[in-house]
Amino acid sequence: MGLLLGNEGSGKSFLLRFFADELRHAGAAVARVGLEGLEPAEMLLSILRSLRTNPSPRESLVSLWRRLEDHLSTNGYQETDTVILFDDADLAGESVLTQIARLTRHDLTSRSRLTIVLSARPQRLGRIGARLLELSTLRIDIEPWQTSDTFEFIKSSLISAGREHPAFAEPALARLHQLTQGVPRRVSQLADLSLLAGAGRDLEEIDSEVVESVYEELGAVEV
């Protein structure tokens, strides 16, 4: 079991989606489940549906567990890796976290083909519980972007959108990075809103003043 940790807007969900696609292409059986607001039965249904076992929503929790354990055992016999990615584990209820802890004990032998990854915000890591934290053997922390990362993201995004010439003056990019603290979601939001503001003013290039005004007037990075 591993932990993927990052602050709000750092790209945890995006990374899990990307990871899931890569794993499927490699032949693994993959389930990706957002845990916020789920009950135990809903969590198991989401896992089983992702693994394409067609469970019935009317099945009991005991039946769903039996179905999942049988499927994991079958995958193990067939030497198929099963990877379950849980997003927003720090927002899960205690009963759901208890079920995840049970899932980690499905097969504790070295032959186990089950991998579990939990994503969470580091400041809420304690919500996951001591048992799951003890079982974690890998931790990845998502760090904010460096200035060069922000520059490259905006440049490549504009090129993908068909823009041949830079849309932001370099000081504007530096200010954008400073205001967003390199948090990917905030970078994207403030850049988009700055482009809209620049278009409304019929500007050829976005300057620092536009970025600053969008940040102050619209509270873009707080969205």
C-alpha atoms as a PDB file:
ATOM      1  CA  MET A   1       0.000   0.000   0.000  1.00  0.00           C
ATOM      2  CA  GLY A   2       1.170   3.490  -0.847  1.00  0.00           C
ATOM      3  CA  LEU A   3       0.254   7.092  -0.081  1.00  0.00           C
ATOM      4  CA  LEU A   4       0.000   9.944  -2.578  1.00  0.00           C
ATOM      5  CA  LEU A   5       0.044  13.231  -0.680  1.00  0.00           C
ATOM      6  CA  GLY A   6      -0.530  16.753  -1.919  1.00  0.00           C
ATOM      7  CA  ASN A   7      -2.342  19.926  -0.985  1.00  0.00           C
ATOM      8  CA  GLU A   8      -5.669  20.964  -2.491  1.00  0.00           C
ATOM      9  CA  GLY A   9      -5.251  21.583  -6.228  1.00  0.00           C
ATOM     10  CA  SER A  10      -1.853  19.880  -6.450  1.00  0.00           C
ATOM     11  CA  GLY A  11      -3.006  17.346  -9.060  1.00  0.00           C
ATOM     12  CA  LYS A  12      -3.592  14.188  -7.005  1.00  0.00           C
ATOM     13  CA  SER A  13      -6.759  13.208  -8.861  1.00  0.00           C
ATOM     14  CA  PHE A  14      -5.144  13.889 -12.231  1.00  0.00           C
ATOM     15  CA  LEU A  15      -2.164  11.716 -11.331  1.00  0.00           C
ATOM     16  CA  LEU A  16      -4.425   8.878 -10.222  1.00  0.00           C
ATOM     17  CA  ARG A  17      -6.369   9.034 -13.505  1.00  0.00           C
ATOM     18  CA  PHE A  18      -3.137   9.020 -15.483  1.00  0.00           C
ATOM     19  CA  PHE A  19      -1.738   6.170 -13.380  1.00  0.00           C
ATOM     20  CA  ALA A  20      -4.937   4.149 -13.868  1.00  0.00           C
ATOM     21  CA  ASP A  21      -4.723   4.506 -17.648  1.00  0.00           C
ATOM     22  CA  GLU A  22      -1.077   3.461 -17.672  1.00  0.00           C
ATOM     23  CA  LEU A  23      -1.815   0.414 -15.525  1.00  0.00           C
ATOM     24  CA  ARG A  24      -4.702  -0.701 -17.730  1.00  0.00           C
ATOM     25  CA  HIS A  25      -2.504  -0.456 -20.807  1.00  0.00           C
ATOM     26  CA  ALA A  26      -0.003  -2.670 -18.980  1.00  0.00           C
ATOM     27  CA  GLY A  27      -2.699  -5.310 -18.396  1.00  0.00           C
ATOM     28  CA  ALA A  28      -3.559  -4.691 -14.757  1.00  0.00           C
ATOM     29  CA  ALA A  29      -7.083  -4.733 -13.349  1.00  0.00           C
ATOM     30  CA  VAL A  30      -7.661  -1.223 -12.001  1.00  0.00           C
ATOM     31  CA  ALA A  31     -10.324   0.456  -9.866  1.00  0.00           C
ATOM     32  CA  ARG A  32     -10.273   4.185  -9.092  1.00  0.00           C
ATOM     33  CA  VAL A  33     -12.709   5.326  -6.416  1.00  0.00           C
ATOM     34  CA  GLY A  34     -13.358   8.762  -4.914  1.00  0.00           C
ATOM     35  CA  LEU A  35     -14.156   8.202  -1.248  1.00  0.00           C
ATOM     36  CA  GLU A  36     -15.784  11.485  -0.245  1.00  0.00           C
ATOM     37  CA  GLY A  37     -19.311  10.844   1.018  1.00  0.00           C
ATOM     38  CA  LEU A  38     -19.350   7.109   0.269  1.00  0.00           C
ATOM     39  CA  GLU A  39     -20.780   4.412   2.500  1.00  0.00           C
ATOM     40  CA  PRO A  40     -19.021   1.003   2.700  1.00  0.00           C
ATOM     41  CA  ALA A  41     -21.446  -0.715   0.310  1.00  0.00           C
ATOM     42  CA  GLU A  42     -21.119   2.144  -2.199  1.00  0.00           C
ATOM     43  CA  MET A  43     -17.344   1.847  -2.064  1.00  0.00           C
ATOM     44  CA  LEU A  44     -17.449  -1.889  -2.751  1.00  0.00           C
ATOM     45  CA  LEU A  45     -19.922  -1.373  -5.586  1.00  0.00           C
ATOM     46  CA  SER A  46     -17.617   1.211  -7.161  1.00  0.00           C
ATOM     47  CA  ILE A  47     -14.637  -1.137  -6.924  1.00  0.00           C
ATOM     48  CA  LEU A  48     -16.521  -4.083  -8.387  1.00  0.00           C
ATOM     49  CA  ARG A  49     -17.981  -2.021 -11.224  1.00  0.00           C
ATOM     50  CA  SER A  50     -14.526  -0.688 -12.098  1.00  0.00           C
ATOM     51  CA  LEU A  51     -13.282  -4.279 -12.141  1.00  0.00           C
ATOM     52  CA  ARG A  52     -16.225  -5.128 -14.445  1.00  0.00           C
ATOM     53  CA  THR A  53     -17.879  -7.745 -12.256  1.00  0.00           C
ATOM     54  CA  ASN A  54     -21.418  -6.309 -12.673  1.00  0.00           C
ATOM     55  CA  PRO A  55     -22.593  -6.358  -9.046  1.00  0.00           C
ATOM     56  CA  SER A  56     -26.203  -5.654  -8.132  1.00  0.00           C
ATOM     57  CA  PRO A  57     -26.891  -2.542  -6.007  1.00  0.00           C
ATOM     58  CA  ARG A  58     -29.283  -4.720  -3.996  1.00  0.00           C
ATOM     59  CA  GLU A  59     -26.531  -7.070  -2.800  1.00  0.00           C
ATOM     60  CA  SER A  60     -25.681  -7.080   0.882  1.00  0.00           C
ATOM     61  CA  LEU A  61     -22.327  -5.934   2.216  1.00  0.00           C
ATOM     62  CA  VAL A  62     -21.446  -9.569   2.939  1.00  0.00           C
ATOM     63  CA  SER A  63     -22.261 -10.572  -0.631  1.00  0.00           C
ATOM     64  CA  LEU A  64     -20.251  -7.711  -2.080  1.00  0.00           C
ATOM     65  CA  TRP A  65     -17.252  -8.656   0.045  1.00  0.00           C
ATOM     66  CA  ARG A  66     -17.498 -12.284  -1.035  1.00  0.00           C
ATOM     67  CA  ARG A  67     -17.664 -11.232  -4.679  1.00  0.00           C
ATOM     68  CA  LEU A  68     -14.649  -8.913  -4.349  1.00  0.00           C
ATOM     69  CA  GLU A  69     -12.519 -11.440  -2.486  1.00  0.00           C
ATOM     70  CA  ASP A  70     -13.323 -14.128  -5.059  1.00  0.00           C
ATOM     71  CA  HIS A  71     -12.375 -11.755  -7.871  1.00  0.00           C
ATOM     72  CA  LEU A  72      -9.084 -10.802  -6.200  1.00  0.00           C
ATOM     73  CA  SER A  73      -8.254 -14.470  -5.636  1.00  0.00           C
ATOM     74  CA  THR A  74      -9.017 -15.284  -9.274  1.00  0.00           C
ATOM     75  CA  ASN A  75      -6.781 -12.467 -10.464  1.00  0.00           C
ATOM     76  CA  GLY A  76      -4.045 -13.778  -8.185  1.00  0.00           C
ATOM     77  CA  TYR A  77      -4.278 -17.286  -9.626  1.00  0.00           C
ATOM     78  CA  GLN A  78      -4.148 -15.821 -13.133  1.00  0.00           C
ATOM     79  CA  GLU A  79      -1.137 -13.689 -12.134  1.00  0.00           C
ATOM     80  CA  THR A  80      -3.034 -10.496 -12.927  1.00  0.00           C
ATOM     81  CA  ASP A  81      -2.145  -7.454 -10.865  1.00  0.00           C
ATOM     82  CA  THR A  82      -5.062  -5.671  -9.212  1.00  0.00           C
ATOM     83  CA  VAL A  83      -4.590  -2.014  -8.288  1.00  0.00           C
ATOM     84  CA  ILE A  84      -7.176  -0.055  -6.310  1.00  0.00           C
ATOM     85  CA  LEU A  85      -6.720   3.724  -6.215  1.00  0.00           C
ATOM     86  CA  PHE A  86      -8.623   5.552  -3.485  1.00  0.00           C
ATOM     87  CA  ASP A  87      -8.926   9.305  -3.975  1.00  0.00           C
ATOM     88  CA  ASP A  88      -9.671  11.692  -1.075  1.00  0.00           C
ATOM     89  CA  ALA A  89      -8.986   9.107   1.609  1.00  0.00           C
ATOM     90  CA  ASP A  90      -8.776  11.904   4.174  1.00  0.00           C
ATOM     91  CA  LEU A  91     -12.451  12.691   3.482  1.00  0.00           C
ATOM     92  CA  ALA A  92     -13.645   9.109   3.946  1.00  0.00           C
ATOM     93  CA  GLY A  93     -15.814   8.070   6.881  1.00  0.00           C
ATOM     94  CA  GLU A  94     -14.474   5.862   9.633  1.00  0.00           C
ATOM     95  CA  SER A  95     -16.570   2.882   8.501  1.00  0.00           C
ATOM     96  CA  VAL A  96     -15.133   3.129   4.973  1.00  0.00           C
ATOM     97  CA  LEU A  97     -11.571   3.344   6.286  1.00  0.00           C
ATOM     98  CA  THR A  98     -12.266   0.219   8.350  1.00  0.00           C
ATOM     99  CA  GLN A  99     -13.304  -1.622   5.184  1.00  0.00           C
ATOM    100  CA  ILE A 100     -10.120  -0.480   3.417  1.00  0.00           C
ATOM    101  CA  ALA A 101      -8.061  -1.790   6.320  1.00  0.00           C
ATOM    102  CA  ARG A 102      -9.878  -5.111   5.919  1.00  0.00           C
ATOM    103  CA  LEU A 103      -9.090  -5.076   2.209  1.00  0.00           C
ATOM    104  CA  THR A 104      -5.371  -4.712   2.908  1.00  0.00           C
ATOM    105  CA  ARG A 105      -5.526  -7.988   4.819  1.00  0.00           C
ATOM    106  CA  HIS A 106      -7.007  -9.917   1.890  1.00  0.00           C
ATOM    107  CA  ASP A 107      -3.653 -11.557   1.176  1.00  0.00           C
ATOM    108  CA  LEU A 108      -0.610 -10.712   3.296  1.00  0.00           C
ATOM    109  CA  THR A 109       1.688 -13.244   1.625  1.00  0.00           C
ATOM    110  CA  SER A 110       4.524 -12.342  -0.726  1.00  0.00           C
ATOM    111  CA  ARG A 111       2.430 -13.780  -3.580  1.00  0.00           C
ATOM    112  CA  SER A 112      -0.213 -11.066  -3.263  1.00  0.00           C
ATOM    113  CA  ARG A 113      -1.005  -9.258  -6.533  1.00  0.00           C
ATOM    114  CA  LEU A 114      -3.046  -6.519  -4.849  1.00  0.00           C
ATOM    115  CA  THR A 115      -1.788  -2.939  -4.587  1.00  0.00           C
ATOM    116  CA  ILE A 116      -3.680  -0.121  -2.864  1.00  0.00           C
ATOM    117  CA  VAL A 117      -2.924   3.601  -3.181  1.00  0.00           C
ATOM    118  CA  LEU A 118      -4.556   6.259  -1.001  1.00  0.00           C
ATOM    119  CA  SER A 119      -4.462   9.954  -1.870  1.00  0.00           C
ATOM    120  CA  ALA A 120      -4.832  12.587   0.831  1.00  0.00           C
ATOM    121  CA  ARG A 121      -3.837  16.055   1.921  1.00  0.00           C
ATOM    122  CA  PRO A 122      -0.791  15.896   4.231  1.00  0.00           C
ATOM    123  CA  GLN A 123      -2.333  18.102   6.906  1.00  0.00           C
ATOM    124  CA  ARG A 124      -5.244  15.631   7.212  1.00  0.00           C
ATOM    125  CA  LEU A 125      -3.150  12.483   7.119  1.00  0.00           C
ATOM    126  CA  GLY A 126      -4.119  11.562  10.653  1.00  0.00           C
ATOM    127  CA  ARG A 127      -7.729  11.104   9.489  1.00  0.00           C
ATOM    128  CA  ILE A 128      -6.685   7.935   7.705  1.00  0.00           C
ATOM    129  CA  GLY A 129      -5.870   6.178  10.966  1.00  0.00           C
ATOM    130  CA  ALA A 130      -2.815   4.570  12.491  1.00  0.00           C
ATOM    131  CA  ARG A 131      -3.530   1.090  11.108  1.00  0.00           C
ATOM    132  CA  LEU A 132      -3.485   2.173   7.456  1.00  0.00           C
ATOM    133  CA  LEU A 133      -0.481   4.431   7.986  1.00  0.00           C
ATOM    134  CA  GLU A 134       1.447   1.521   9.505  1.00  0.00           C
ATOM    135  CA  LEU A 135       0.685  -0.622   6.466  1.00  0.00           C
ATOM    136  CA  SER A 136       1.964   1.971   3.998  1.00  0.00           C
ATOM    137  CA  THR A 137       5.295   1.043   2.437  1.00  0.00           C
ATOM    138  CA  LEU A 138       5.549   3.921  -0.058  1.00  0.00           C
ATOM    139  CA  ARG A 139       4.903   7.655   0.260  1.00  0.00           C
ATOM    140  CA  ILE A 140       4.956  10.158  -2.591  1.00  0.00           C
ATOM    141  CA  ASP A 141       4.607  13.877  -1.842  1.00  0.00           C
ATOM    142  CA  ILE A 142       3.488  16.156  -4.672  1.00  0.00           C
ATOM    143  CA  GLU A 143       5.447  19.377  -4.466  1.00  0.00           C
ATOM    144  CA  PRO A 144       4.286  22.733  -5.902  1.00  0.00           C
ATOM    145  CA  TRP A 145       5.656  23.665  -9.310  1.00  0.00           C
ATOM    146  CA  GLN A 146       8.870  25.573  -9.704  1.00  0.00           C
ATOM    147  CA  THR A 147       8.781  28.787 -11.752  1.00  0.00           C
ATOM    148  CA  SER A 148      10.079  26.927 -14.806  1.00  0.00           C
ATOM    149  CA  ASP A 149       7.272  24.361 -14.465  1.00  0.00           C
ATOM    150  CA  THR A 150       4.621  27.084 -14.488  1.00  0.00           C
ATOM    151  CA  PHE A 151       6.219  28.749 -17.513  1.00  0.00           C
ATOM    152  CA  GLU A 152       6.399  25.463 -19.415  1.00  0.00           C
ATOM    153  CA  PHE A 153       2.829  24.468 -18.550  1.00  0.00           C
ATOM    154  CA  ILE A 154       1.372  27.743 -19.843  1.00  0.00           C
ATOM    155  CA  LYS A 155       3.580  27.713 -22.929  1.00  0.00           C
ATOM    156  CA  SER A 156       2.683  24.140 -23.885  1.00  0.00           C
ATOM    157  CA  SER A 157      -1.019  24.711 -23.142  1.00  0.00           C
ATOM    158  CA  LEU A 158      -1.133  27.726 -25.445  1.00  0.00           C
ATOM    159  CA  ILE A 159       0.709  25.865 -28.197  1.00  0.00           C
ATOM    160  CA  SER A 160      -1.784  22.986 -27.894  1.00  0.00           C
ATOM    161  CA  ALA A 161      -4.591  25.541 -28.237  1.00  0.00           C
ATOM    162  CA  GLY A 162      -3.070  26.864 -31.480  1.00  0.00           C
ATOM    163  CA  ARG A 163      -1.349  29.995 -30.180  1.00  0.00           C
ATOM    164  CA  GLU A 164       1.888  30.579 -32.100  1.00  0.00           C
ATOM    165  CA  HIS A 165       3.151  33.594 -30.154  1.00  0.00           C
ATOM    166  CA  PRO A 166       3.497  34.068 -26.386  1.00  0.00           C
ATOM    167  CA  ALA A 167       0.302  35.334 -24.746  1.00  0.00           C
ATOM    168  CA  PHE A 168       1.934  36.370 -21.463  1.00  0.00           C
ATOM    169  CA  ALA A 169       4.791  38.763 -20.901  1.00  0.00           C
ATOM    170  CA  GLU A 170       7.540  37.098 -18.887  1.00  0.00           C
ATOM    171  CA  PRO A 171       7.027  39.352 -15.827  1.00  0.00           C
ATOM    172  CA  ALA A 172       3.328  38.418 -15.945  1.00  0.00           C
ATOM    173  CA  LEU A 173       4.221  34.721 -15.826  1.00  0.00           C
ATOM    174  CA  ALA A 174       6.547  35.332 -12.908  1.00  0.00           C
ATOM    175  CA  ARG A 175       3.804  37.207 -11.043  1.00  0.00           C
ATOM    176  CA  LEU A 176       1.260  34.498 -11.858  1.00  0.00           C
ATOM    177  CA  HIS A 177       3.558  31.863 -10.405  1.00  0.00           C
ATOM    178  CA  GLN A 178       4.148  33.960  -7.302  1.00  0.00           C
ATOM    179  CA  LEU A 179       0.441  34.558  -6.675  1.00  0.00           C
ATOM    180  CA  THR A 180      -0.541  30.911  -7.154  1.00  0.00           C
ATOM    181  CA  GLN A 181       2.476  29.545  -5.231  1.00  0.00           C
ATOM    182  CA  GLY A 182       2.962  27.012  -8.001  1.00  0.00           C
ATOM    183  CA  VAL A 183      -0.206  25.030  -7.195  1.00  0.00           C
ATOM    184  CA  PRO A 184      -1.268  23.501 -10.557  1.00  0.00           C
ATOM    185  CA  ARG A 185      -5.020  24.051 -10.263  1.00  0.00           C
ATOM    186  CA  ARG A 186      -4.502  27.649  -9.195  1.00  0.00           C
ATOM    187  CA  VAL A 187      -2.026  28.259 -12.016  1.00  0.00           C
ATOM    188  CA  SER A 188      -4.546  26.976 -14.551  1.00  0.00           C
ATOM    189  CA  GLN A 189      -7.424  29.010 -13.086  1.00  0.00           C
ATOM    190  CA  LEU A 190      -5.544  32.290 -12.883  1.00  0.00           C
ATOM    191  CA  ALA A 191      -4.052  31.859 -16.360  1.00  0.00           C
ATOM    192  CA  ASP A 192      -7.483  31.145 -17.891  1.00  0.00           C
ATOM    193  CA  LEU A 193      -9.125  34.122 -16.189  1.00  0.00           C
ATOM    194  CA  SER A 194      -6.231  36.399 -17.146  1.00  0.00           C
ATOM    195  CA  LEU A 195      -6.606  35.367 -20.778  1.00  0.00           C
ATOM    196  CA  LEU A 196     -10.326  36.127 -20.628  1.00  0.00           C
ATOM    197  CA  ALA A 197      -9.629  39.526 -19.090  1.00  0.00           C
ATOM    198  CA  GLY A 198      -7.008  40.261 -21.735  1.00  0.00           C
ATOM    199  CA  ALA A 199      -9.388  39.295 -24.517  1.00  0.00           C
ATOM    200  CA  GLY A 200     -12.022  41.591 -23.032  1.00  0.00           C
ATOM    201  CA  ARG A 201      -9.526  44.445 -23.169  1.00  0.00           C
ATOM    202  CA  ASP A 202      -8.372  43.440 -26.674  1.00  0.00           C
ATOM    203  CA  LEU A 203      -4.772  43.013 -25.509  1.00  0.00           C
ATOM    204  CA  GLU A 204      -2.125  41.333 -27.651  1.00  0.00           C
ATOM    205  CA  GLU A 205      -0.164  40.269 -24.567  1.00  0.00           C
ATOM    206  CA  ILE A 206      -1.094  39.744 -20.921  1.00  0.00           C
ATOM    207  CA  ASP A 207       0.971  41.882 -18.563  1.00  0.00           C
ATOM    208  CA  SER A 208       1.488  41.752 -14.810  1.00  0.00           C
ATOM    209  CA  GLU A 209      -1.214  44.340 -14.221  1.00  0.00           C
ATOM    210  CA  VAL A 210      -3.870  42.116 -15.769  1.00  0.00           C
ATOM    211  CA  VAL A 211      -2.781  39.118 -13.716  1.00  0.00           C
ATOM    212  CA  GLU A 212      -2.748  41.189 -10.553  1.00  0.00           C
ATOM    213  CA  SER A 213      -6.174  42.713 -11.175  1.00  0.00           C
ATOM    214  CA  VAL A 214      -7.769  39.345 -11.917  1.00  0.00           C
ATOM    215  CA  TYR A 215      -6.277  37.905  -8.749  1.00  0.00           C
ATOM    216  CA  GLU A 216      -7.504  40.778  -6.588  1.00  0.00           C
ATOM    217  CA  GLU A 217     -10.936  41.375  -8.129  1.00  0.00           C
ATOM    218  CA  LEU A 218     -12.093  37.825  -8.768  1.00  0.00           C
ATOM    219  CA  GLY A 219     -10.202  35.915  -6.073  1.00  0.00           C
ATOM    220  CA  ALA A 220      -9.211  33.460  -8.790  1.00  0.00           C
ATOM    221  CA  VAL A 221      -6.852  31.331  -6.762  1.00  0.00           C
ATOM    222  CA  GLU A 222      -9.412  30.828  -4.025  1.00  0.00           C
ATOM    223  CA  VAL A 223     -11.938  29.134  -6.351  1.00  0.00           C
END
